[in-house]
Each structure stands twice: as structure tokens, then as C-alpha cells.
Amino acid sequence: MPQRAKPMPGKRLKPLRKRKLYENRRWREKARRQLIAEPLCAECKRQGKTTLATDADHVEPHKGNLMAFWNGKLQSLCKKCHQEKTARGG
């Protein structure tokens, strides 16, 4: 049976506080650097399409965990792909 990844240790935030993280200057700068490093949507690229990315997305959902939020791997996604991933719970 495959092992599940262990959650990162760290403080968990309530949903309202989680939203505030995305308004943080540090996050905006981190997201900007991600989009500069990878300007194309990763999901569209997997589908053979070329689409400019607009959103920095956590590859693994951080679920309010501060360690995962700040240190988790990011990917660049277009708005449509990011909304679809978020709607799936990812």
C-alpha cells in the first residue's frame, strides 16, 4: 500500500486569516517571482497549449499550514486552470 505524504508541521490558520496571507506583500513578491521564472501556464503546457500564466499556485494545497504556505512548491497557472484546480479542491 503506498504511503501518503506526511503533512508539514506548523501552525494552521483559520480561513479568514488564510485569505489575508494572499494580501501580504511577501506573498505578492513570491508570486511575482514565480510568474517571472515560469511565465506559461503549467497545466496548459501539459495539454500542448501555450497560455500566459496569471496566478502562482501551490502544487500541494497548504490547507492553512504556514510552513506549507511559505515553503511549498509553486507552479504558474492561467486564471481558468487555477479556478478549475481550486474547484476540484486542489
Protein backbone atom coordinates (compact mmCIF):
# COMPACT_ATOMS: atom_id res chain seq x y z
CA MET A 1 0.00 0.00 0.00
CA PRO A 2 1.53 3.38 -1.00
CA GLN A 3 2.36 5.76 1.79
CA ARG A 4 0.70 9.15 1.91
CA ALA A 5 2.85 12.23 2.21
CA LYS A 6 3.06 13.44 5.79
CA PRO A 7 1.66 16.92 6.38
CA MET A 8 4.23 19.61 7.05
CA PRO A 9 4.43 20.59 10.71
CA GLY A 10 3.42 24.10 11.54
CA LYS A 11 0.68 26.38 12.70
CA ARG A 12 -2.67 26.18 10.89
CA LEU A 13 -4.71 29.28 10.19
CA LYS A 14 -8.44 29.89 10.15
CA PRO A 15 -9.96 30.59 6.68
CA LEU A 16 -10.18 34.35 7.19
CA ARG A 17 -6.51 34.55 8.22
CA LYS A 18 -5.63 32.30 5.26
CA ARG A 19 -7.11 34.83 2.84
CA LYS A 20 -5.06 37.58 4.45
CA LEU A 21 -1.85 35.72 3.54
CA TYR A 22 -2.54 36.32 -0.14
CA GLU A 23 -2.75 40.06 0.51
CA ASN A 24 0.67 40.02 2.20
CA ARG A 25 3.48 41.90 0.44
CA ARG A 26 5.83 38.95 0.94
CA TRP A 27 3.36 36.62 -0.86
CA ARG A 28 2.79 39.07 -3.70
CA GLU A 29 6.55 39.28 -4.26
CA LYS A 30 6.93 35.48 -4.11
CA ALA A 31 4.08 35.08 -6.61
CA ARG A 32 5.58 37.72 -8.90
CA ARG A 33 8.94 35.92 -8.89
CA GLN A 34 7.18 32.63 -9.71
CA LEU A 35 5.42 34.16 -12.72
CA ILE A 36 8.67 35.69 -13.97
CA ALA A 37 10.50 32.36 -13.62
CA GLU A 38 7.69 30.37 -15.28
CA PRO A 39 5.53 32.73 -17.38
CA LEU A 40 3.46 29.99 -19.05
CA CYS A 41 0.60 28.00 -17.52
CA ALA A 42 1.93 24.60 -16.40
CA GLU A 43 -1.42 22.84 -16.94
CA CYS A 44 -1.94 24.27 -20.43
CA LYS A 45 1.63 23.30 -21.28
CA ARG A 46 0.87 19.68 -20.25
CA GLN A 47 -2.05 19.80 -22.70
CA GLY A 48 0.15 21.12 -25.51
CA LYS A 49 -1.22 24.67 -25.32
CA THR A 50 0.67 27.92 -24.79
CA THR A 51 -1.11 30.24 -22.36
CA LEU A 52 0.30 33.09 -20.32
CA ALA A 53 0.10 32.36 -16.58
CA THR A 54 -1.59 34.84 -14.27
CA ASP A 55 -1.58 33.03 -10.91
CA ALA A 56 1.07 31.44 -8.68
CA ASP A 57 -0.42 28.23 -7.29
CA HIS A 58 0.68 25.88 -4.51
CA VAL A 59 1.26 22.47 -6.14
CA GLU A 60 0.15 20.77 -2.92
CA PRO A 61 -2.67 22.57 -1.07
CA HIS A 62 -1.32 24.21 2.09
CA LYS A 63 -4.64 23.93 3.96
CA GLY A 64 -3.73 26.85 6.19
CA ASN A 65 -0.38 25.41 7.25
CA LEU A 66 2.09 28.32 7.39
CA MET A 67 5.16 26.15 6.69
CA ALA A 68 3.48 24.69 3.61
CA PHE A 69 2.23 28.13 2.52
CA TRP A 70 5.66 29.78 2.58
CA ASN A 71 7.86 26.80 1.67
CA GLY A 72 5.64 24.69 -0.59
CA LYS A 73 6.41 24.26 -4.28
CA LEU A 74 4.64 26.69 -6.60
CA GLN A 75 3.53 26.44 -10.21
CA SER A 76 2.30 29.08 -12.62
CA LEU A 77 -1.27 28.71 -13.89
CA CYS A 78 -3.64 30.74 -16.05
CA LYS A 79 -6.79 32.01 -14.33
CA LYS A 80 -9.00 29.31 -15.89
CA CYS A 81 -6.75 26.40 -14.85
CA HIS A 82 -6.29 27.86 -11.36
CA GLN A 83 -10.05 28.21 -10.87
CA GLU A 84 -10.63 24.64 -12.10
CA LYS A 85 -7.93 23.25 -9.77
CA THR A 86 -9.35 25.20 -6.82
CA ALA A 87 -12.88 23.97 -7.60
CA ARG A 88 -11.59 20.36 -7.50
CA GLY A 89 -10.24 21.05 -4.03
CA GLY A 90 -6.60 21.36 -5.05
